[in-house]
Amino acid sequence: SAPAFAHHSVTAEFDPSKELTVTGVLKRVDWTNPHIYVWVEAKGADGKLVTWAFEGNPPGLLHRAGVTKDVFKVGETVTVTAMPANDGTKNLGFGKVYRYSDGHEIRLGIARE
């Protein structure tokens, strides 16, 4: 017998009908299975710094699509377009587009599930 691997649908956790945008400093990239996480520190409505976590696709899938960890530039300002969490979790989203101040973008598409 083969091992069974459980995996959730992106739409089980995130709302693809909504979009949020956050601009801040890219602080960390966790390039691990089952999903990468990109951490961005941005100013909240009250002016205090808030850390956002953006989930992404698995590293193997991204690597096969030509996206590697080194394309994420820690320390640079980035604007992230993401799907918000379904359950209202604050400061969490599924990152779709990472846009840098020089104009280049990293687009992380998701498969329809």
PDB file of N, CA and C in Angstrom:
ATOM      1  N   SER A   1       0.840  -1.185   0.000  1.00  0.00           N
ATOM      2  CA  SER A   1       0.000   0.000   0.000  1.00  0.00           C
ATOM      3  C   SER A   1       0.877   1.237   0.000  1.00  0.00           C
ATOM      4  N   ALA A   2       0.339   2.315  -0.517  1.00  0.00           N
ATOM      5  CA  ALA A   2       1.065   3.578  -0.596  1.00  0.00           C
ATOM      6  C   ALA A   2       0.556   4.520   0.487  1.00  0.00           C
ATOM      7  N   PRO A   3       1.423   5.430   0.971  1.00  0.00           N
ATOM      8  CA  PRO A   3       0.966   6.378   1.981  1.00  0.00           C
ATOM      9  C   PRO A   3      -0.042   7.347   1.383  1.00  0.00           C
ATOM     10  N   ALA A   4      -0.965   7.787   2.195  1.00  0.00           N
ATOM     11  CA  ALA A   4      -1.956   8.774   1.766  1.00  0.00           C
ATOM     12  C   ALA A   4      -1.509  10.151   2.241  1.00  0.00           C
ATOM     13  N   PHE A   5      -1.622  11.129   1.379  1.00  0.00           N
ATOM     14  CA  PHE A   5      -1.240  12.489   1.726  1.00  0.00           C
ATOM     15  C   PHE A   5      -2.485  13.371   1.700  1.00  0.00           C
ATOM     16  N   ALA A   6      -2.777  13.990   2.817  1.00  0.00           N
ATOM     17  CA  ALA A   6      -3.926  14.892   2.885  1.00  0.00           C
ATOM     18  C   ALA A   6      -3.490  16.274   2.405  1.00  0.00           C
ATOM     19  N   HIS A   7      -4.380  16.933   1.716  1.00  0.00           N
ATOM     20  CA  HIS A   7      -4.083  18.292   1.271  1.00  0.00           C
ATOM     21  C   HIS A   7      -5.384  19.070   1.179  1.00  0.00           C
ATOM     22  N   HIS A   8      -5.344  20.310   1.622  1.00  0.00           N
ATOM     23  CA  HIS A   8      -6.555  21.126   1.598  1.00  0.00           C
ATOM     24  C   HIS A   8      -6.626  21.942   0.316  1.00  0.00           C
ATOM     25  N   SER A   9      -7.819  22.310  -0.040  1.00  0.00           N
ATOM     26  CA  SER A   9      -8.040  23.212  -1.162  1.00  0.00           C
ATOM     27  C   SER A   9      -7.707  24.629  -0.701  1.00  0.00           C
ATOM     28  N   VAL A  10      -7.132  25.443  -1.587  1.00  0.00           N
ATOM     29  CA  VAL A  10      -6.851  26.840  -1.256  1.00  0.00           C
ATOM     30  C   VAL A  10      -8.141  27.537  -0.838  1.00  0.00           C
ATOM     31  N   THR A  11      -9.238  27.229  -1.532  1.00  0.00           N
ATOM     32  CA  THR A  11     -10.503  27.893  -1.232  1.00  0.00           C
ATOM     33  C   THR A  11     -11.115  27.430   0.091  1.00  0.00           C
ATOM     34  N   ALA A  12     -10.610  26.357   0.664  1.00  0.00           N
ATOM     35  CA  ALA A  12     -11.082  25.939   1.989  1.00  0.00           C
ATOM     36  C   ALA A  12     -10.611  26.917   3.058  1.00  0.00           C
ATOM     37  N   GLU A  13      -9.482  27.580   2.801  1.00  0.00           N
ATOM     38  CA  GLU A  13      -8.924  28.506   3.785  1.00  0.00           C
ATOM     39  C   GLU A  13      -8.958  29.971   3.364  1.00  0.00           C
ATOM     40  N   PHE A  14      -9.020  30.229   2.053  1.00  0.00           N
ATOM     41  CA  PHE A  14      -8.931  31.599   1.553  1.00  0.00           C
ATOM     42  C   PHE A  14     -10.078  31.892   0.595  1.00  0.00           C
ATOM     43  N   ASP A  15     -10.460  33.169   0.511  1.00  0.00           N
ATOM     44  CA  ASP A  15     -11.607  33.590  -0.291  1.00  0.00           C
ATOM     45  C   ASP A  15     -11.141  34.177  -1.628  1.00  0.00           C
ATOM     46  N   PRO A  16     -11.246  33.409  -2.736  1.00  0.00           N
ATOM     47  CA  PRO A  16     -10.782  33.907  -4.029  1.00  0.00           C
ATOM     48  C   PRO A  16     -11.654  35.022  -4.609  1.00  0.00           C
ATOM     49  N   SER A  17     -12.817  35.253  -4.024  1.00  0.00           N
ATOM     50  CA  SER A  17     -13.690  36.328  -4.520  1.00  0.00           C
ATOM     51  C   SER A  17     -13.317  37.688  -3.920  1.00  0.00           C
ATOM     52  N   LYS A  18     -12.379  37.685  -2.955  1.00  0.00           N
ATOM     53  CA  LYS A  18     -11.938  38.929  -2.315  1.00  0.00           C
ATOM     54  C   LYS A  18     -10.440  39.096  -2.514  1.00  0.00           C
ATOM     55  N   GLU A  19     -10.005  40.326  -2.356  1.00  0.00           N
ATOM     56  CA  GLU A  19      -8.596  40.616  -2.555  1.00  0.00           C
ATOM     57  C   GLU A  19      -8.151  41.644  -1.522  1.00  0.00           C
ATOM     58  N   LEU A  20      -6.933  41.514  -1.048  1.00  0.00           N
ATOM     59  CA  LEU A  20      -6.360  42.516  -0.158  1.00  0.00           C
ATOM     60  C   LEU A  20      -4.987  42.876  -0.685  1.00  0.00           C
ATOM     61  N   THR A  21      -4.539  44.077  -0.353  1.00  0.00           N
ATOM     62  CA  THR A  21      -3.232  44.549  -0.785  1.00  0.00           C
ATOM     63  C   THR A  21      -2.490  45.098   0.424  1.00  0.00           C
ATOM     64  N   VAL A  22      -1.243  44.676   0.573  1.00  0.00           N
ATOM     65  CA  VAL A  22      -0.404  45.108   1.694  1.00  0.00           C
ATOM     66  C   VAL A  22       0.941  45.546   1.138  1.00  0.00           C
ATOM     67  N   THR A  23       1.426  46.703   1.589  1.00  0.00           N
ATOM     68  CA  THR A  23       2.760  47.173   1.214  1.00  0.00           C
ATOM     69  C   THR A  23       3.604  47.242   2.473  1.00  0.00           C
ATOM     70  N   GLY A  24       4.777  46.636   2.407  1.00  0.00           N
ATOM     71  CA  GLY A  24       5.677  46.649   3.554  1.00  0.00           C
ATOM     72  C   GLY A  24       7.013  46.042   3.192  1.00  0.00           C
ATOM     73  N   VAL A  25       7.815  45.758   4.212  1.00  0.00           N
ATOM     74  CA  VAL A  25       9.152  45.217   4.014  1.00  0.00           C
ATOM     75  C   VAL A  25       9.101  43.695   4.126  1.00  0.00           C
ATOM     76  N   LEU A  26       9.647  43.025   3.127  1.00  0.00           N
ATOM     77  CA  LEU A  26       9.708  41.567   3.145  1.00  0.00           C
ATOM     78  C   LEU A  26      10.741  41.164   4.201  1.00  0.00           C
ATOM     79  N   LYS A  27      10.286  40.467   5.241  1.00  0.00           N
ATOM     80  CA  LYS A  27      11.138  40.138   6.380  1.00  0.00           C
ATOM     81  C   LYS A  27      11.702  38.724   6.348  1.00  0.00           C
ATOM     82  N   ARG A  28      10.933  37.767   5.806  1.00  0.00           N
ATOM     83  CA  ARG A  28      11.375  36.371   5.880  1.00  0.00           C
ATOM     84  C   ARG A  28      10.626  35.542   4.853  1.00  0.00           C
ATOM     85  N   VAL A  29      11.278  34.495   4.361  1.00  0.00           N
ATOM     86  CA  VAL A  29      10.643  33.529   3.468  1.00  0.00           C
ATOM     87  C   VAL A  29      10.898  32.145   4.049  1.00  0.00           C
ATOM     88  N   ASP A  30       9.828  31.415   4.338  1.00  0.00           N
ATOM     89  CA  ASP A  30       9.943  30.029   4.789  1.00  0.00           C
ATOM     90  C   ASP A  30       9.661  29.142   3.582  1.00  0.00           C
ATOM     91  N   TRP A  31      10.701  28.559   3.015  1.00  0.00           N
ATOM     92  CA  TRP A  31      10.610  27.750   1.797  1.00  0.00           C
ATOM     93  C   TRP A  31      10.529  26.284   2.214  1.00  0.00           C
ATOM     94  N   THR A  32       9.370  25.895   2.761  1.00  0.00           N
ATOM     95  CA  THR A  32       9.206  24.549   3.309  1.00  0.00           C
ATOM     96  C   THR A  32       7.895  23.941   2.837  1.00  0.00           C
ATOM     97  N   ASN A  33       7.847  22.609   2.880  1.00  0.00           N
ATOM     98  CA  ASN A  33       6.607  21.903   2.567  1.00  0.00           C
ATOM     99  C   ASN A  33       5.686  21.935   3.770  1.00  0.00           C
ATOM    100  N   PRO A  34       4.388  21.935   3.622  1.00  0.00           N
ATOM    101  CA  PRO A  34       3.704  21.746   2.354  1.00  0.00           C
ATOM    102  C   PRO A  34       3.469  23.046   1.581  1.00  0.00           C
ATOM    103  N   HIS A  35       3.692  24.220   2.196  1.00  0.00           N
ATOM    104  CA  HIS A  35       3.494  25.501   1.521  1.00  0.00           C
ATOM    105  C   HIS A  35       4.559  26.474   1.972  1.00  0.00           C
ATOM    106  N   ILE A  36       4.973  27.345   1.065  1.00  0.00           N
ATOM    107  CA  ILE A  36       5.887  28.408   1.471  1.00  0.00           C
ATOM    108  C   ILE A  36       5.088  29.459   2.238  1.00  0.00           C
ATOM    109  N   TYR A  37       5.795  30.238   3.048  1.00  0.00           N
ATOM    110  CA  TYR A  37       5.213  31.410   3.704  1.00  0.00           C
ATOM    111  C   TYR A  37       6.152  32.571   3.500  1.00  0.00           C
ATOM    112  N   VAL A  38       5.573  33.730   3.190  1.00  0.00           N
ATOM    113  CA  VAL A  38       6.320  34.961   3.019  1.00  0.00           C
ATOM    114  C   VAL A  38       5.808  35.923   4.087  1.00  0.00           C
ATOM    115  N   TRP A  39       6.720  36.509   4.849  1.00  0.00           N
ATOM    116  CA  TRP A  39       6.375  37.377   5.969  1.00  0.00           C
ATOM    117  C   TRP A  39       6.713  38.821   5.609  1.00  0.00           C
ATOM    118  N   VAL A  40       5.702  39.703   5.739  1.00  0.00           N
ATOM    119  CA  VAL A  40       5.851  41.110   5.381  1.00  0.00           C
ATOM    120  C   VAL A  40       5.453  41.965   6.577  1.00  0.00           C
ATOM    121  N   GLU A  41       6.303  42.941   6.910  1.00  0.00           N
ATOM    122  CA  GLU A  41       6.018  43.868   8.002  1.00  0.00           C
ATOM    123  C   GLU A  41       5.521  45.181   7.406  1.00  0.00           C
ATOM    124  N   ALA A  42       4.316  45.582   7.805  1.00  0.00           N
ATOM    125  CA  ALA A  42       3.684  46.781   7.245  1.00  0.00           C
ATOM    126  C   ALA A  42       3.086  47.612   8.371  1.00  0.00           C
ATOM    127  N   LYS A  43       2.821  48.870   8.082  1.00  0.00           N
ATOM    128  CA  LYS A  43       2.161  49.736   9.058  1.00  0.00           C
ATOM    129  C   LYS A  43       0.668  49.455   9.052  1.00  0.00           C
ATOM    130  N   GLY A  44       0.121  49.294  10.251  1.00  0.00           N
ATOM    131  CA  GLY A  44      -1.314  49.111  10.393  1.00  0.00           C
ATOM    132  C   GLY A  44      -2.031  50.446  10.341  1.00  0.00           C
ATOM    133  N   ALA A  45      -3.347  50.421  10.427  1.00  0.00           N
ATOM    134  CA  ALA A  45      -4.158  51.638  10.386  1.00  0.00           C
ATOM    135  C   ALA A  45      -3.780  52.598  11.516  1.00  0.00           C
ATOM    136  N   ASP A  46      -3.320  52.039  12.641  1.00  0.00           N
ATOM    137  CA  ASP A  46      -2.934  52.865  13.788  1.00  0.00           C
ATOM    138  C   ASP A  46      -1.479  53.329  13.718  1.00  0.00           C
ATOM    139  N   GLY A  47      -0.766  52.986  12.631  1.00  0.00           N
ATOM    140  CA  GLY A  47       0.620  53.398  12.458  1.00  0.00           C
ATOM    141  C   GLY A  47       1.633  52.439  13.057  1.00  0.00           C
ATOM    142  N   LYS A  48       1.172  51.452  13.814  1.00  0.00           N
ATOM    143  CA  LYS A  48       2.079  50.468  14.409  1.00  0.00           C
ATOM    144  C   LYS A  48       2.418  49.393  13.377  1.00  0.00           C
ATOM    145  N   LEU A  49       3.607  48.803  13.524  1.00  0.00           N
ATOM    146  CA  LEU A  49       4.020  47.751  12.604  1.00  0.00           C
ATOM    147  C   LEU A  49       3.266  46.454  12.884  1.00  0.00           C
ATOM    148  N   VAL A  50       2.836  45.817  11.800  1.00  0.00           N
ATOM    149  CA  VAL A  50       2.084  44.571  11.854  1.00  0.00           C
ATOM    150  C   VAL A  50       2.776  43.584  10.920  1.00  0.00           C
ATOM    151  N   THR A  51       2.890  42.332  11.354  1.00  0.00           N
ATOM    152  CA  THR A  51       3.481  41.306  10.492  1.00  0.00           C
ATOM    153  C   THR A  51       2.374  40.510   9.819  1.00  0.00           C
ATOM    154  N   TRP A  52       2.453  40.419   8.497  1.00  0.00           N
ATOM    155  CA  TRP A  52       1.519  39.648   7.684  1.00  0.00           C
ATOM    156  C   TRP A  52       2.184  38.350   7.258  1.00  0.00           C
ATOM    157  N   ALA A  53       1.421  37.279   7.218  1.00  0.00           N
ATOM    158  CA  ALA A  53       1.890  35.989   6.702  1.00  0.00           C
ATOM    159  C   ALA A  53       1.128  35.693   5.421  1.00  0.00           C
ATOM    160  N   PHE A  54       1.858  35.423   4.359  1.00  0.00           N
ATOM    161  CA  PHE A  54       1.244  35.069   3.087  1.00  0.00           C
ATOM    162  C   PHE A  54       1.654  33.660   2.708  1.00  0.00           C
ATOM    163  N   GLU A  55       0.661  32.777   2.643  1.00  0.00           N
ATOM    164  CA  GLU A  55       0.904  31.401   2.231  1.00  0.00           C
ATOM    165  C   GLU A  55       1.083  31.375   0.717  1.00  0.00           C
ATOM    166  N   GLY A  56       1.811  30.375   0.249  1.00  0.00           N
ATOM    167  CA  GLY A  56       1.987  30.183  -1.185  1.00  0.00           C
ATOM    168  C   GLY A  56       1.930  28.707  -1.529  1.00  0.00           C
ATOM    169  N   ASN A  57       2.157  28.411  -2.776  1.00  0.00           N
ATOM    170  CA  ASN A  57       2.154  27.026  -3.245  1.00  0.00           C
ATOM    171  C   ASN A  57       3.350  26.258  -2.678  1.00  0.00           C
ATOM    172  N   PRO A  58       3.356  24.934  -2.832  1.00  0.00           N
ATOM    173  CA  PRO A  58       4.489  24.131  -2.368  1.00  0.00           C
ATOM    174  C   PRO A  58       5.773  24.499  -3.120  1.00  0.00           C
ATOM    175  N   PRO A  59       6.924  24.409  -2.446  1.00  0.00           N
ATOM    176  CA  PRO A  59       8.181  24.787  -3.097  1.00  0.00           C
ATOM    177  C   PRO A  59       8.498  23.974  -4.348  1.00  0.00           C
ATOM    178  N   GLY A  60       8.165  22.700  -4.358  1.00  0.00           N
ATOM    179  CA  GLY A  60       8.429  21.877  -5.541  1.00  0.00           C
ATOM    180  C   GLY A  60       7.664  22.369  -6.759  1.00  0.00           C
ATOM    181  N   LEU A  61       6.401  22.701  -6.564  1.00  0.00           N
ATOM    182  CA  LEU A  61       5.570  23.214  -7.652  1.00  0.00           C
ATOM    183  C   LEU A  61       6.121  24.547  -8.154  1.00  0.00           C
ATOM    184  N   LEU A  62       6.506  25.416  -7.227  1.00  0.00           N
ATOM    185  CA  LEU A  62       7.061  26.717  -7.617  1.00  0.00           C
ATOM    186  C   LEU A  62       8.378  26.540  -8.373  1.00  0.00           C
ATOM    187  N   HIS A  63       9.229  25.658  -7.875  1.00  0.00           N
ATOM    188  CA  HIS A  63      10.518  25.428  -8.527  1.00  0.00           C
ATOM    189  C   HIS A  63      10.331  24.941  -9.960  1.00  0.00           C
ATOM    190  N   ARG A  64       9.388  24.021 -10.153  1.00  0.00           N
ATOM    191  CA  ARG A  64       9.119  23.517 -11.512  1.00  0.00           C
ATOM    192  C   ARG A  64       8.590  24.617 -12.428  1.00  0.00           C
ATOM    193  N   ALA A  65       7.956  25.637 -11.833  1.00  0.00           N
ATOM    194  CA  ALA A  65       7.442  26.767 -12.607  1.00  0.00           C
ATOM    195  C   ALA A  65       8.493  27.860 -12.784  1.00  0.00           C
ATOM    196  N   GLY A  66       9.706  27.621 -12.261  1.00  0.00           N
ATOM    197  CA  GLY A  66      10.790  28.590 -12.431  1.00  0.00           C
ATOM    198  C   GLY A  66      10.905  29.609 -11.315  1.00  0.00           C
ATOM    199  N   VAL A  67      10.148  29.433 -10.228  1.00  0.00           N
ATOM    200  CA  VAL A  67      10.209  30.362  -9.098  1.00  0.00           C
ATOM    201  C   VAL A  67      11.036  29.708  -7.999  1.00  0.00           C
ATOM    202  N   THR A  68      12.117  30.369  -7.595  1.00  0.00           N
ATOM    203  CA  THR A  68      12.972  29.862  -6.539  1.00  0.00           C
ATOM    204  C   THR A  68      12.995  30.855  -5.378  1.00  0.00           C
ATOM    205  N   LYS A  69      13.455  30.388  -4.244  1.00  0.00           N
ATOM    206  CA  LYS A  69      13.451  31.222  -3.037  1.00  0.00           C
ATOM    207  C   LYS A  69      14.200  32.535  -3.247  1.00  0.00           C
ATOM    208  N   ASP A  70      15.267  32.513  -4.027  1.00  0.00           N
ATOM    209  CA  ASP A  70      16.096  33.708  -4.179  1.00  0.00           C
ATOM    210  C   ASP A  70      15.430  34.836  -4.977  1.00  0.00           C
ATOM    211  N   VAL A  71      14.270  34.597  -5.588  1.00  0.00           N
ATOM    212  CA  VAL A  71      13.577  35.697  -6.272  1.00  0.00           C
ATOM    213  C   VAL A  71      12.889  36.616  -5.270  1.00  0.00           C
ATOM    214  N   PHE A  72      12.700  36.129  -4.040  1.00  0.00           N
ATOM    215  CA  PHE A  72      12.117  36.954  -2.982  1.00  0.00           C
ATOM    216  C   PHE A  72      13.250  37.706  -2.299  1.00  0.00           C
ATOM    217  N   LYS A  73      13.216  39.029  -2.347  1.00  0.00           N
ATOM    218  CA  LYS A  73      14.313  39.851  -1.855  1.00  0.00           C
ATOM    219  C   LYS A  73      14.010  40.366  -0.447  1.00  0.00           C
ATOM    220  N   VAL A  74      14.504  39.646   0.556  1.00  0.00           N
ATOM    221  CA  VAL A  74      14.314  40.036   1.950  1.00  0.00           C
ATOM    222  C   VAL A  74      14.950  41.407   2.170  1.00  0.00           C
ATOM    223  N   GLY A  75      14.224  42.274   2.866  1.00  0.00           N
ATOM    224  CA  GLY A  75      14.705  43.626   3.149  1.00  0.00           C
ATOM    225  C   GLY A  75      14.170  44.670   2.202  1.00  0.00           C
ATOM    226  N   GLU A  76      13.598  44.250   1.085  1.00  0.00           N
ATOM    227  CA  GLU A  76      13.050  45.207   0.120  1.00  0.00           C
ATOM    228  C   GLU A  76      11.567  45.450   0.367  1.00  0.00           C
ATOM    229  N   THR A  77      11.101  46.605  -0.082  1.00  0.00           N
ATOM    230  CA  THR A  77       9.682  46.928   0.010  1.00  0.00           C
ATOM    231  C   THR A  77       8.940  46.207  -1.096  1.00  0.00           C
ATOM    232  N   VAL A  78       7.819  45.610  -0.731  1.00  0.00           N
ATOM    233  CA  VAL A  78       7.025  44.831  -1.668  1.00  0.00           C
ATOM    234  C   VAL A  78       5.545  45.123  -1.427  1.00  0.00           C
ATOM    235  N   THR A  79       4.765  45.110  -2.505  1.00  0.00           N
ATOM    236  CA  THR A  79       3.312  45.211  -2.397  1.00  0.00           C
ATOM    237  C   THR A  79       2.744  43.851  -2.763  1.00  0.00           C
ATOM    238  N   VAL A  80       1.998  43.268  -1.836  1.00  0.00           N
ATOM    239  CA  VAL A  80       1.454  41.928  -2.016  1.00  0.00           C
ATOM    240  C   VAL A  80      -0.044  42.022  -2.271  1.00  0.00           C
ATOM    241  N   THR A  81      -0.492  41.368  -3.325  1.00  0.00           N
ATOM    242  CA  THR A  81      -1.919  41.204  -3.593  1.00  0.00           C
ATOM    243  C   THR A  81      -2.248  39.772  -3.207  1.00  0.00           C
ATOM    244  N   ALA A  82      -3.284  39.608  -2.377  1.00  0.00           N
ATOM    245  CA  ALA A  82      -3.559  38.288  -1.818  1.00  0.00           C
ATOM    246  C   ALA A  82      -5.050  38.060  -1.633  1.00  0.00           C
ATOM    247  N   MET A  83      -5.393  36.788  -1.408  1.00  0.00           N
ATOM    248  CA  MET A  83      -6.746  36.407  -1.004  1.00  0.00           C
ATOM    249  C   MET A  83      -6.776  36.381   0.517  1.00  0.00           C
ATOM    250  N   PRO A  84      -7.774  36.989   1.150  1.00  0.00           N
ATOM    251  CA  PRO A  84      -7.837  36.957   2.615  1.00  0.00           C
ATOM    252  C   PRO A  84      -8.305  35.604   3.135  1.00  0.00           C
ATOM    253  N   ALA A  85      -8.012  35.358   4.403  1.00  0.00           N
ATOM    254  CA  ALA A  85      -8.447  34.127   5.054  1.00  0.00           C
ATOM    255  C   ALA A  85      -9.971  34.114   5.167  1.00  0.00           C
ATOM    256  N   ASN A  86     -10.569  32.945   4.916  1.00  0.00           N
ATOM    257  CA  ASN A  86     -12.029  32.780   5.026  1.00  0.00           C
ATOM    258  C   ASN A  86     -12.553  33.048   6.423  1.00  0.00           C
ATOM    259  N   ASP A  87     -11.782  32.634   7.419  1.00  0.00           N
ATOM    260  CA  ASP A  87     -12.275  32.697   8.794  1.00  0.00           C
ATOM    261  C   ASP A  87     -12.051  34.041   9.467  1.00  0.00           C
ATOM    262  N   GLY A  88     -11.582  35.019   8.700  1.00  0.00           N
ATOM    263  CA  GLY A  88     -11.384  36.356   9.257  1.00  0.00           C
ATOM    264  C   GLY A  88     -10.075  36.521  10.003  1.00  0.00           C
ATOM    265  N   THR A  89      -9.188  35.507   9.955  1.00  0.00           N
ATOM    266  CA  THR A  89      -7.891  35.619  10.615  1.00  0.00           C
ATOM    267  C   THR A  89      -7.196  36.876  10.114  1.00  0.00           C
ATOM    268  N   LYS A  90      -6.817  37.706  11.027  1.00  0.00           N
ATOM    269  CA  LYS A  90      -6.142  38.954  10.665  1.00  0.00           C
ATOM    270  C   LYS A  90      -4.710  38.675  10.215  1.00  0.00           C
ATOM    271  N   ASN A  91      -4.232  39.481   9.283  1.00  0.00           N
ATOM    272  CA  ASN A  91      -2.845  39.448   8.844  1.00  0.00           C
ATOM    273  C   ASN A  91      -2.426  38.119   8.229  1.00  0.00           C
ATOM    274  N   LEU A  92      -3.369  37.465   7.531  1.00  0.00           N
ATOM    275  CA  LEU A  92      -3.092  36.207   6.848  1.00  0.00           C
ATOM    276  C   LEU A  92      -3.755  36.220   5.486  1.00  0.00           C
ATOM    277  N   GLY A  93      -3.016  35.792   4.474  1.00  0.00           N
ATOM    278  CA  GLY A  93      -3.592  35.703   3.139  1.00  0.00           C
ATOM    279  C   GLY A  93      -2.837  34.691   2.294  1.00  0.00           C
ATOM    280  N   PHE A  94      -3.374  34.423   1.114  1.00  0.00           N
ATOM    281  CA  PHE A  94      -2.688  33.588   0.131  1.00  0.00           C
ATOM    282  C   PHE A  94      -2.129  34.524  -0.926  1.00  0.00           C
ATOM    283  N   GLY A  95      -0.801  34.665  -0.958  1.00  0.00           N
ATOM    284  CA  GLY A  95      -0.154  35.623  -1.850  1.00  0.00           C
ATOM    285  C   GLY A  95      -0.277  35.242  -3.316  1.00  0.00           C
ATOM    286  N   LYS A  96      -0.730  36.199  -4.129  1.00  0.00           N
ATOM    287  CA  LYS A  96      -0.863  35.966  -5.571  1.00  0.00           C
ATOM    288  C   LYS A  96       0.183  36.733  -6.369  1.00  0.00           C
ATOM    289  N   VAL A  97       0.416  38.000  -6.006  1.00  0.00           N
ATOM    290  CA  VAL A  97       1.371  38.833  -6.741  1.00  0.00           C
ATOM    291  C   VAL A  97       2.228  39.600  -5.734  1.00  0.00           C
ATOM    292  N   TYR A  98       3.547  39.564  -5.964  1.00  0.00           N
ATOM    293  CA  TYR A  98       4.507  40.325  -5.167  1.00  0.00           C
ATOM    294  C   TYR A  98       5.144  41.338  -6.110  1.00  0.00           C
ATOM    295  N   ARG A  99       4.887  42.627  -5.865  1.00  0.00           N
ATOM    296  CA  ARG A  99       5.366  43.686  -6.766  1.00  0.00           C
ATOM    297  C   ARG A  99       6.407  44.531  -6.021  1.00  0.00           C
ATOM    298  N   TYR A 100       7.592  44.668  -6.629  1.00  0.00           N
ATOM    299  CA  TYR A 100       8.681  45.435  -6.040  1.00  0.00           C
ATOM    300  C   TYR A 100       8.680  46.865  -6.551  1.00  0.00           C
ATOM    301  N   SER A 101       9.357  47.755  -5.817  1.00  0.00           N
ATOM    302  CA  SER A 101       9.352  49.182  -6.162  1.00  0.00           C
ATOM    303  C   SER A 101       9.982  49.458  -7.520  1.00  0.00           C
ATOM    304  N   ASP A 102      10.840  48.562  -8.026  1.00  0.00           N
ATOM    305  CA  ASP A 102      11.430  48.772  -9.350  1.00  0.00           C
ATOM    306  C   ASP A 102      10.502  48.315 -10.475  1.00  0.00           C
ATOM    307  N   GLY A 103       9.312  47.786 -10.097  1.00  0.00           N
ATOM    308  CA  GLY A 103       8.307  47.415 -11.092  1.00  0.00           C
ATOM    309  C   GLY A 103       8.228  45.929 -11.403  1.00  0.00           C
ATOM    310  N   HIS A 104       9.239  45.137 -11.034  1.00  0.00           N
ATOM    311  CA  HIS A 104       9.155  43.713 -11.367  1.00  0.00           C
ATOM    312  C   HIS A 104       8.199  43.005 -10.405  1.00  0.00           C
ATOM    313  N   GLU A 105       7.612  41.922 -10.908  1.00  0.00           N
ATOM    314  CA  GLU A 105       6.598  41.187 -10.153  1.00  0.00           C
ATOM    315  C   GLU A 105       6.922  39.705 -10.123  1.00  0.00           C
ATOM    316  N   ILE A 106       6.459  39.076  -9.057  1.00  0.00           N
ATOM    317  CA  ILE A 106       6.448  37.622  -8.957  1.00  0.00           C
ATOM    318  C   ILE A 106       4.980  37.249  -8.895  1.00  0.00           C
ATOM    319  N   ARG A 107       4.515  36.517  -9.878  1.00  0.00           N
ATOM    320  CA  ARG A 107       3.103  36.087  -9.919  1.00  0.00           C
ATOM    321  C   ARG A 107       3.024  34.618  -9.572  1.00  0.00           C
ATOM    322  N   LEU A 108       2.229  34.322  -8.540  1.00  0.00           N
ATOM    323  CA  LEU A 108       2.050  32.945  -8.112  1.00  0.00           C
ATOM    324  C   LEU A 108       0.612  32.551  -8.345  1.00  0.00           C
ATOM    325  N   GLY A 109       0.356  31.944  -9.492  1.00  0.00           N
ATOM    326  CA  GLY A 109      -0.990  31.513  -9.807  1.00  0.00           C
ATOM    327  C   GLY A 109      -1.370  30.292  -8.989  1.00  0.00           C
ATOM    328  N   ILE A 110      -2.636  30.052  -8.868  1.00  0.00           N
ATOM    329  CA  ILE A 110      -3.100  28.856  -8.171  1.00  0.00           C
ATOM    330  C   ILE A 110      -3.967  28.049  -9.119  1.00  0.00           C
ATOM    331  N   ALA A 111      -3.927  26.760  -8.956  1.00  0.00           N
ATOM    332  CA  ALA A 111      -4.772  25.889  -9.764  1.00  0.00           C
ATOM    333  C   ALA A 111      -6.185  25.930  -9.206  1.00  0.00           C
ATOM    334  N   ARG A 112      -7.154  25.867 -10.066  1.00  0.00           N
ATOM    335  CA  ARG A 112      -8.549  25.780  -9.626  1.00  0.00           C
ATOM    336  C   ARG A 112      -8.761  24.436  -8.981  1.00  0.00           C
ATOM    337  N   GLU A 113      -9.330  24.448  -7.775  1.00  0.00           N
ATOM    338  CA  GLU A 113      -9.486  23.186  -7.052  1.00  0.00           C
ATOM    339  C   GLU A 113     -10.942  22.883  -6.865  1.00  0.00           C
TER     340      GLU A 113
END
